[in-house]
N, C-alpha and C. Protein backbone atom coordinates (compact mmCIF):
# COMPACT_ATOMS: atom_id res chain seq x y z
N MET A 1 0.83 -1.28 -0.03
CA MET A 1 -0.04 0.11 0.10
C MET A 1 0.94 1.24 0.11
N PHE A 2 1.79 1.24 0.93
CA PHE A 2 2.64 2.48 0.88
C PHE A 2 3.46 2.54 -0.23
N GLN A 3 4.47 1.52 -0.73
CA GLN A 3 4.72 1.49 -1.87
C GLN A 3 4.21 2.01 -3.10
N ARG A 4 2.94 1.63 -3.26
CA ARG A 4 1.96 2.12 -4.47
C ARG A 4 2.20 3.48 -4.20
N ALA A 5 1.74 4.18 -2.96
CA ALA A 5 1.32 5.46 -2.69
C ALA A 5 2.59 6.22 -2.90
N LYS A 6 3.67 5.70 -2.57
CA LYS A 6 5.14 6.12 -2.68
C LYS A 6 5.54 6.63 -4.33
N GLU A 7 5.19 5.17 -5.07
CA GLU A 7 5.04 5.38 -6.46
C GLU A 7 4.40 6.44 -7.12
N ALA A 8 3.07 6.81 -6.62
CA ALA A 8 2.26 7.79 -6.88
C ALA A 8 2.44 9.29 -6.83
N GLY A 9 3.67 9.28 -5.69
CA GLY A 9 4.06 10.44 -5.48
C GLY A 9 4.01 10.89 -3.78
N LEU A 10 3.54 10.05 -3.09
CA LEU A 10 3.44 10.32 -1.74
C LEU A 10 4.87 10.43 -1.07
N ASP A 11 5.22 11.52 -0.39
CA ASP A 11 6.51 11.46 0.28
C ASP A 11 6.20 10.97 1.65
N THR A 12 7.01 9.81 1.80
CA THR A 12 6.91 9.03 2.98
C THR A 12 7.62 9.54 4.23
N GLU A 13 8.65 10.52 3.83
CA GLU A 13 9.16 11.05 4.81
C GLU A 13 8.23 12.27 5.63
N ALA A 14 7.35 12.59 5.08
CA ALA A 14 6.36 13.51 5.68
C ALA A 14 5.30 13.09 6.51
N ILE A 15 5.18 11.83 6.27
CA ILE A 15 3.98 11.08 7.28
C ILE A 15 4.47 11.25 8.65
N GLY A 16 3.47 11.59 9.43
CA GLY A 16 3.63 11.86 10.87
C GLY A 16 3.09 10.88 11.70
N ALA A 17 1.86 10.36 11.17
CA ALA A 17 1.21 9.35 11.98
C ALA A 17 0.04 8.73 11.05
N VAL A 18 -0.20 7.57 11.50
CA VAL A 18 -1.06 6.70 10.49
C VAL A 18 -2.21 6.15 11.56
N THR A 19 -3.36 6.10 11.21
CA THR A 19 -4.48 5.71 11.93
C THR A 19 -5.04 4.41 11.51
N SER A 20 -5.16 3.36 12.36
CA SER A 20 -5.88 2.10 12.01
C SER A 20 -6.56 1.46 13.32
N ASP A 21 -7.02 0.29 13.09
CA ASP A 21 -7.80 -0.57 13.95
C ASP A 21 -6.73 -1.45 14.60
N GLY A 22 -5.65 -1.28 14.38
CA GLY A 22 -4.43 -2.02 15.04
C GLY A 22 -3.98 -3.31 14.42
N ALA A 23 -4.31 -3.28 13.25
CA ALA A 23 -3.74 -4.28 12.37
C ALA A 23 -2.28 -4.80 12.60
N HIS A 24 -1.89 -5.96 12.95
CA HIS A 24 -0.49 -6.42 13.22
C HIS A 24 0.32 -6.31 12.03
N GLY A 25 -0.15 -6.45 10.88
CA GLY A 25 0.74 -6.36 9.53
C GLY A 25 1.11 -5.09 9.48
N LEU A 26 0.09 -4.00 9.60
CA LEU A 26 0.51 -2.53 9.31
C LEU A 26 1.33 -2.03 10.40
N LEU A 27 1.14 -2.51 11.68
CA LEU A 27 2.10 -2.25 12.76
C LEU A 27 3.39 -2.44 12.39
N GLY A 28 3.71 -3.90 12.13
CA GLY A 28 5.04 -4.57 11.59
C GLY A 28 5.63 -3.58 10.59
N TYR A 29 4.97 -3.33 9.78
CA TYR A 29 5.41 -2.47 8.59
C TYR A 29 6.02 -1.08 8.98
N LEU A 30 4.98 -0.43 9.67
CA LEU A 30 5.44 0.84 10.21
C LEU A 30 6.66 0.73 11.05
N ARG A 31 6.85 -0.23 11.96
CA ARG A 31 8.17 -0.46 12.73
C ARG A 31 9.36 -0.56 11.90
N GLN A 32 9.08 -1.35 10.78
CA GLN A 32 10.43 -1.74 10.14
C GLN A 32 10.60 -0.67 9.07
N ALA A 33 9.90 -0.27 8.36
CA ALA A 33 9.81 0.72 7.25
C ALA A 33 9.60 1.87 7.44
N LEU A 34 8.95 2.31 8.25
CA LEU A 34 8.72 3.90 8.48
C LEU A 34 8.84 3.95 10.08
N PRO A 35 9.91 3.91 10.79
CA PRO A 35 9.91 3.98 12.37
C PRO A 35 9.47 5.25 12.96
N TRP A 36 9.70 6.18 12.25
CA TRP A 36 9.24 7.62 12.80
C TRP A 36 7.73 7.99 12.79
N VAL A 37 7.11 7.01 11.92
CA VAL A 37 5.70 7.35 11.99
C VAL A 37 4.80 6.66 13.13
N HIS A 38 4.19 7.80 14.08
CA HIS A 38 3.41 7.49 14.95
C HIS A 38 2.27 6.54 14.53
N HIS A 39 1.70 5.70 15.34
CA HIS A 39 0.61 4.96 15.20
C HIS A 39 -0.75 5.40 15.99
N GLN A 40 -1.94 5.71 15.51
CA GLN A 40 -3.04 6.17 16.32
C GLN A 40 -4.16 5.11 16.19
N ARG A 41 -4.46 4.73 17.33
CA ARG A 41 -5.79 3.72 17.23
C ARG A 41 -7.05 4.38 17.20
N CYS A 42 -7.98 3.97 16.41
CA CYS A 42 -9.19 4.27 16.33
C CYS A 42 -9.88 3.95 17.82
N VAL A 43 -10.61 4.99 18.48
CA VAL A 43 -11.00 4.86 19.80
C VAL A 43 -12.16 3.75 19.64
N TRP A 44 -12.84 3.66 18.82
CA TRP A 44 -13.88 2.69 18.68
C TRP A 44 -13.34 1.22 18.82
N HIS A 45 -12.25 1.07 18.03
CA HIS A 45 -11.76 -0.38 18.23
C HIS A 45 -11.04 -0.76 19.57
N LEU A 46 -10.56 0.47 20.19
CA LEU A 46 -10.18 0.28 21.49
C LEU A 46 -11.00 -0.02 22.35
N TRP A 47 -12.32 0.67 22.43
CA TRP A 47 -13.33 0.21 23.47
C TRP A 47 -13.80 -1.07 23.11
N ARG A 48 -13.86 -1.66 22.00
CA ARG A 48 -14.34 -2.93 21.68
C ARG A 48 -13.51 -3.92 22.29
N ASN A 49 -12.21 -3.76 22.04
CA ASN A 49 -11.45 -4.55 22.88
C ASN A 49 -11.26 -4.52 24.24
N LEU A 50 -11.32 -3.35 24.76
CA LEU A 50 -11.45 -3.21 26.12
C LEU A 50 -12.87 -3.70 26.76
N GLY A 51 -13.94 -3.46 26.16
CA GLY A 51 -15.30 -4.18 26.45
C GLY A 51 -15.13 -5.80 26.86
N ARG A 52 -14.50 -6.44 26.01
CA ARG A 52 -14.51 -7.83 26.53
C ARG A 52 -13.94 -8.04 28.02
N ARG A 53 -12.66 -7.14 28.07
CA ARG A 53 -12.08 -7.25 29.59
C ARG A 53 -12.96 -6.75 30.58
N LEU A 54 -13.75 -5.69 30.36
CA LEU A 54 -14.71 -5.24 31.29
C LEU A 54 -15.91 -6.21 31.73
N VAL A 55 -16.33 -6.83 30.74
CA VAL A 55 -17.37 -7.94 30.99
C VAL A 55 -16.52 -9.04 31.84
N ARG A 56 -15.46 -9.65 31.44
CA ARG A 56 -14.63 -10.53 32.19
C ARG A 56 -14.58 -10.14 33.64
N GLN A 57 -13.99 -8.83 33.93
CA GLN A 57 -13.92 -8.35 35.25
C GLN A 57 -14.95 -8.36 36.12
N ALA A 58 -16.02 -8.05 35.49
CA ALA A 58 -17.37 -7.79 36.12
C ALA A 58 -17.86 -9.22 36.67
N SER A 59 -17.61 -10.03 35.79
CA SER A 59 -17.98 -11.44 35.85
C SER A 59 -17.24 -11.85 37.29
N LYS A 60 -15.96 -11.75 37.08
CA LYS A 60 -15.00 -12.09 38.31
C LYS A 60 -15.29 -11.71 39.59
N ALA A 61 -15.98 -10.42 39.60
CA ALA A 61 -16.20 -9.80 40.72
C ALA A 61 -17.39 -10.36 41.42
N THR A 62 -18.25 -10.97 40.61
CA THR A 62 -19.67 -11.68 41.07
C THR A 62 -19.35 -13.06 41.39
N ALA A 63 -18.23 -13.39 41.50
CA ALA A 63 -17.95 -14.87 41.90
C ALA A 63 -18.48 -15.15 43.43
N GLY A 64 -19.29 -16.17 43.41
CA GLY A 64 -19.69 -16.28 44.80
C GLY A 64 -21.03 -15.76 45.13
N LEU A 65 -21.51 -14.65 44.31
CA LEU A 65 -22.70 -14.10 44.63
C LEU A 65 -23.94 -14.62 43.50
N VAL A 66 -25.10 -14.54 44.09
CA VAL A 66 -26.34 -14.83 43.00
C VAL A 66 -27.15 -13.78 43.01
N GLY A 67 -28.21 -13.92 42.00
CA GLY A 67 -29.32 -13.11 41.86
C GLY A 67 -28.95 -11.56 41.98
N GLU A 68 -29.81 -10.63 42.58
CA GLU A 68 -29.69 -9.25 42.65
C GLU A 68 -28.24 -8.76 43.26
N ALA A 69 -27.64 -9.30 43.92
CA ALA A 69 -26.42 -9.16 44.59
C ALA A 69 -25.41 -9.28 43.50
N ALA A 70 -25.23 -10.17 42.69
CA ALA A 70 -24.44 -10.50 41.59
C ALA A 70 -24.69 -9.41 40.49
N ARG A 71 -25.82 -8.97 40.16
CA ARG A 71 -26.17 -8.08 39.10
C ARG A 71 -25.67 -6.57 39.86
N ARG A 72 -25.93 -6.40 41.10
CA ARG A 72 -25.60 -4.86 41.39
C ARG A 72 -23.87 -4.98 41.41
N VAL A 73 -23.28 -5.84 42.07
CA VAL A 73 -21.94 -5.96 42.07
C VAL A 73 -21.11 -5.81 40.59
N GLY A 74 -21.81 -6.45 39.68
CA GLY A 74 -21.21 -6.50 38.34
C GLY A 74 -21.49 -5.08 37.62
N LYS A 75 -22.61 -4.68 37.85
CA LYS A 75 -22.85 -3.23 37.26
C LYS A 75 -22.00 -2.36 37.94
N GLN A 76 -21.65 -2.26 39.25
CA GLN A 76 -20.94 -1.46 39.93
C GLN A 76 -19.49 -1.35 39.42
N VAL A 77 -18.84 -2.76 39.16
CA VAL A 77 -17.59 -2.70 38.57
C VAL A 77 -17.45 -2.24 37.39
N GLN A 78 -18.29 -2.48 36.62
CA GLN A 78 -18.24 -2.08 35.08
C GLN A 78 -18.55 -0.48 35.35
N LYS A 79 -19.30 -0.06 36.10
CA LYS A 79 -19.35 1.69 36.05
C LYS A 79 -18.12 2.18 36.62
N GLU A 80 -17.36 1.69 37.47
CA GLU A 80 -16.12 1.97 37.87
C GLU A 80 -14.98 1.95 36.96
N LEU A 81 -15.01 0.77 36.21
CA LEU A 81 -13.89 0.85 35.21
C LEU A 81 -14.30 1.56 34.10
N VAL A 82 -15.23 1.61 33.59
CA VAL A 82 -15.75 2.36 32.52
C VAL A 82 -15.11 3.97 32.72
N ALA A 83 -15.63 4.56 33.93
CA ALA A 83 -15.10 5.76 34.37
C ALA A 83 -13.55 5.94 34.53
N LEU A 84 -12.90 4.98 34.69
CA LEU A 84 -11.44 5.09 34.89
C LEU A 84 -10.93 4.89 33.49
N ILE A 85 -11.67 4.18 32.52
CA ILE A 85 -10.75 4.01 31.31
C ILE A 85 -11.34 5.54 30.44
N ARG A 86 -12.34 5.97 30.60
CA ARG A 86 -12.58 7.33 30.19
C ARG A 86 -11.66 8.29 30.48
N GLY A 87 -11.27 7.99 31.92
CA GLY A 87 -10.34 9.20 32.43
C GLY A 87 -8.96 9.08 31.46
N VAL A 88 -8.72 7.86 31.19
CA VAL A 88 -7.53 7.82 30.22
C VAL A 88 -7.78 8.33 28.69
N LEU A 89 -8.75 7.73 28.28
CA LEU A 89 -9.21 7.95 26.77
C LEU A 89 -9.58 9.23 26.37
N ASP A 90 -10.11 9.97 27.38
CA ASP A 90 -10.65 11.35 27.17
C ASP A 90 -9.79 12.28 28.02
N ALA A 91 -8.60 11.81 28.08
CA ALA A 91 -7.88 13.06 28.59
C ALA A 91 -7.20 13.98 27.86
N GLN A 92 -7.30 15.33 28.69
CA GLN A 92 -7.14 16.52 27.72
C GLN A 92 -5.61 16.96 27.49
N SER A 93 -4.83 16.00 28.36
CA SER A 93 -3.44 15.97 28.14
C SER A 93 -2.76 14.74 28.22
N TYR A 94 -1.44 14.51 27.74
CA TYR A 94 -0.75 13.27 27.64
C TYR A 94 -0.54 12.85 29.40
N GLU A 95 -0.25 13.94 30.11
CA GLU A 95 0.05 13.82 31.38
C GLU A 95 -1.10 13.43 32.17
N GLN A 96 -2.36 13.99 31.90
CA GLN A 96 -3.51 13.69 32.61
C GLN A 96 -3.96 12.27 32.28
N GLY A 97 -3.48 11.74 31.06
CA GLY A 97 -3.78 10.50 30.67
C GLY A 97 -3.00 9.44 31.50
N GLU A 98 -1.63 9.79 31.64
CA GLU A 98 -0.94 8.95 32.50
C GLU A 98 -1.24 8.93 33.60
N ALA A 99 -1.70 9.98 34.40
CA ALA A 99 -2.19 9.94 35.74
C ALA A 99 -3.52 8.99 36.07
N SER A 100 -4.37 9.12 34.94
CA SER A 100 -5.67 8.33 34.97
C SER A 100 -5.36 6.81 34.70
N LEU A 101 -4.42 6.52 34.06
CA LEU A 101 -3.92 5.24 33.84
C LEU A 101 -3.55 4.66 35.34
N ALA A 102 -2.50 5.41 35.96
CA ALA A 102 -2.12 4.92 37.26
C ALA A 102 -3.24 4.51 38.07
N VAL A 103 -4.18 5.58 38.18
CA VAL A 103 -5.35 5.12 38.83
C VAL A 103 -6.24 3.89 38.60
N LEU A 104 -6.47 3.75 37.08
CA LEU A 104 -6.82 2.31 36.67
C LEU A 104 -6.11 1.19 37.11
N ARG A 105 -4.60 1.47 37.28
CA ARG A 105 -3.83 0.21 37.59
C ARG A 105 -4.17 -0.05 39.12
N GLU A 106 -4.51 0.78 40.01
CA GLU A 106 -4.69 0.56 41.35
C GLU A 106 -6.07 0.04 41.57
N HIS A 107 -6.96 -0.05 40.72
CA HIS A 107 -8.43 -0.51 40.94
C HIS A 107 -8.24 -1.94 41.28
N PRO A 108 -9.06 -2.74 42.19
CA PRO A 108 -8.97 -4.09 42.35
C PRO A 108 -9.26 -4.73 41.09
N ARG A 109 -9.85 -4.49 40.23
CA ARG A 109 -10.21 -5.15 39.16
C ARG A 109 -9.59 -4.58 37.78
N GLY A 110 -8.81 -3.55 37.85
CA GLY A 110 -8.13 -2.83 36.76
C GLY A 110 -6.95 -3.29 36.16
N ALA A 111 -6.04 -4.26 36.83
CA ALA A 111 -4.97 -4.65 36.39
C ALA A 111 -4.80 -5.19 34.89
N ARG A 112 -5.69 -5.93 34.52
CA ARG A 112 -5.83 -6.58 33.14
C ARG A 112 -6.16 -5.47 32.24
N ILE A 113 -7.11 -4.83 32.57
CA ILE A 113 -7.50 -3.64 31.50
C ILE A 113 -6.25 -2.61 31.49
N TRP A 114 -5.59 -2.33 32.61
CA TRP A 114 -4.45 -1.49 32.62
C TRP A 114 -3.36 -2.04 31.91
N LYS A 115 -3.22 -3.29 31.64
CA LYS A 115 -2.15 -3.79 31.14
C LYS A 115 -2.44 -3.47 29.48
N LEU A 116 -3.57 -3.83 29.11
CA LEU A 116 -3.68 -3.59 27.62
C LEU A 116 -3.94 -2.26 27.17
N LEU A 117 -4.65 -1.31 28.08
CA LEU A 117 -4.50 0.07 27.75
C LEU A 117 -3.13 0.61 27.93
N ASN A 118 -2.29 0.40 28.74
CA ASN A 118 -0.99 0.64 28.86
C ASN A 118 -0.11 0.37 27.44
N GLN A 119 -0.35 -0.68 26.99
CA GLN A 119 0.33 -1.19 25.92
C GLN A 119 -0.09 -0.34 24.66
N GLN A 120 -1.46 0.25 24.52
CA GLN A 120 -1.89 0.96 23.65
C GLN A 120 -1.88 2.30 23.91
N PHE A 121 -1.21 2.79 24.90
CA PHE A 121 -1.53 4.20 25.57
C PHE A 121 -1.07 5.30 24.41
N ASP A 122 0.19 5.13 23.80
CA ASP A 122 0.79 6.28 22.86
C ASP A 122 -0.18 6.17 21.79
N ALA A 123 -0.68 4.84 21.19
CA ALA A 123 -1.52 4.95 20.17
C ALA A 123 -2.81 5.58 20.33
N ALA A 124 -3.25 5.38 21.67
CA ALA A 124 -4.67 6.04 21.84
C ALA A 124 -4.70 7.53 21.95
N LEU A 125 -3.30 7.90 22.46
CA LEU A 125 -3.23 9.53 22.87
C LEU A 125 -2.39 10.16 22.03
N VAL A 126 -2.03 9.65 20.63
CA VAL A 126 -1.06 10.35 19.81
C VAL A 126 -1.48 11.66 19.48
N HIS A 127 -2.67 11.86 19.64
CA HIS A 127 -3.26 13.21 19.13
C HIS A 127 -2.97 14.31 20.12
N LEU A 128 -2.35 13.73 21.24
CA LEU A 128 -1.99 14.94 22.37
C LEU A 128 -0.55 15.08 22.37
N MET A 129 0.26 14.40 21.76
CA MET A 129 1.51 14.53 21.62
C MET A 129 1.92 16.08 20.95
N ASP A 130 3.19 16.62 21.29
CA ASP A 130 3.31 18.06 20.81
C ASP A 130 3.43 17.93 19.28
N ARG A 131 4.09 16.98 18.73
CA ARG A 131 4.25 16.84 17.31
C ARG A 131 2.84 16.75 16.64
N HIS A 132 1.96 16.16 17.37
CA HIS A 132 0.82 16.17 16.54
C HIS A 132 -0.43 16.75 17.16
N ARG A 133 0.00 17.92 17.56
CA ARG A 133 -1.22 19.04 18.33
C ARG A 133 -2.02 19.39 17.19
N GLY A 134 -3.47 19.41 17.20
CA GLY A 134 -4.10 19.65 16.15
C GLY A 134 -4.84 18.56 15.44
N LEU A 135 -4.04 17.30 15.69
CA LEU A 135 -5.03 16.14 14.99
C LEU A 135 -6.08 15.84 15.74
N THR A 136 -7.17 15.52 15.10
CA THR A 136 -8.31 15.00 15.88
C THR A 136 -8.18 13.36 16.36
N ARG A 137 -8.76 13.43 17.51
CA ARG A 137 -8.83 12.04 17.91
C ARG A 137 -9.82 11.00 17.04
N VAL A 138 -9.53 10.02 16.60
CA VAL A 138 -10.00 9.14 15.73
C VAL A 138 -11.02 8.30 16.48
N THR A 139 -12.29 8.34 15.62
CA THR A 139 -13.40 7.61 16.19
C THR A 139 -14.02 7.24 14.81
N PRO A 140 -15.13 6.33 14.89
CA PRO A 140 -15.91 5.92 13.64
C PRO A 140 -16.63 7.07 13.08
N GLU A 141 -16.77 8.23 13.77
CA GLU A 141 -17.57 9.28 13.18
C GLU A 141 -16.71 10.19 12.29
N TRP A 142 -15.37 10.09 12.27
CA TRP A 142 -14.58 10.82 11.53
C TRP A 142 -14.76 10.53 10.01
C-alpha cells in the first residue's frame, strides 16, 4: 500500500502518523519501514477490545454471588472501570492520561485492563503529543 502510494508521489518522509484498527501487519510494517511514524488507534476499536475485558472483570467480581447481589456488584464494577478508562481515553493532556492510567492500575479489577491500555497508550493518545497537536482523535464518526 505504501509502496504504491510512494510510486504515485506520496512523500513517506512527511508522514507523521497513521490511524488504524491495530492490524498487526500494518504495525509491523510501520516499525520496520517507517519507524518515525506514530500509530494512532481508532477509539471505537480500543473500546471494543476493552469491552471484552470489562465483562470478564465484572463477572469475576460476582464470583460467589447470586441474583440481585451479583447483578449489582457486576454493574458497579463495570461503572467504575468505564469511568477509569474514560479518564485515560478522554484525557485533555498526555500527563492527565498517564495519571488516569495509574489510577486504573490500582483498581482491584483494573490490572488486566490497565495492561492492555498501557500497551496501547501512545497509540490512543497520539493526538495529544506535541508533534501532533491539532490532530483529531479518531473515532468512527470521523
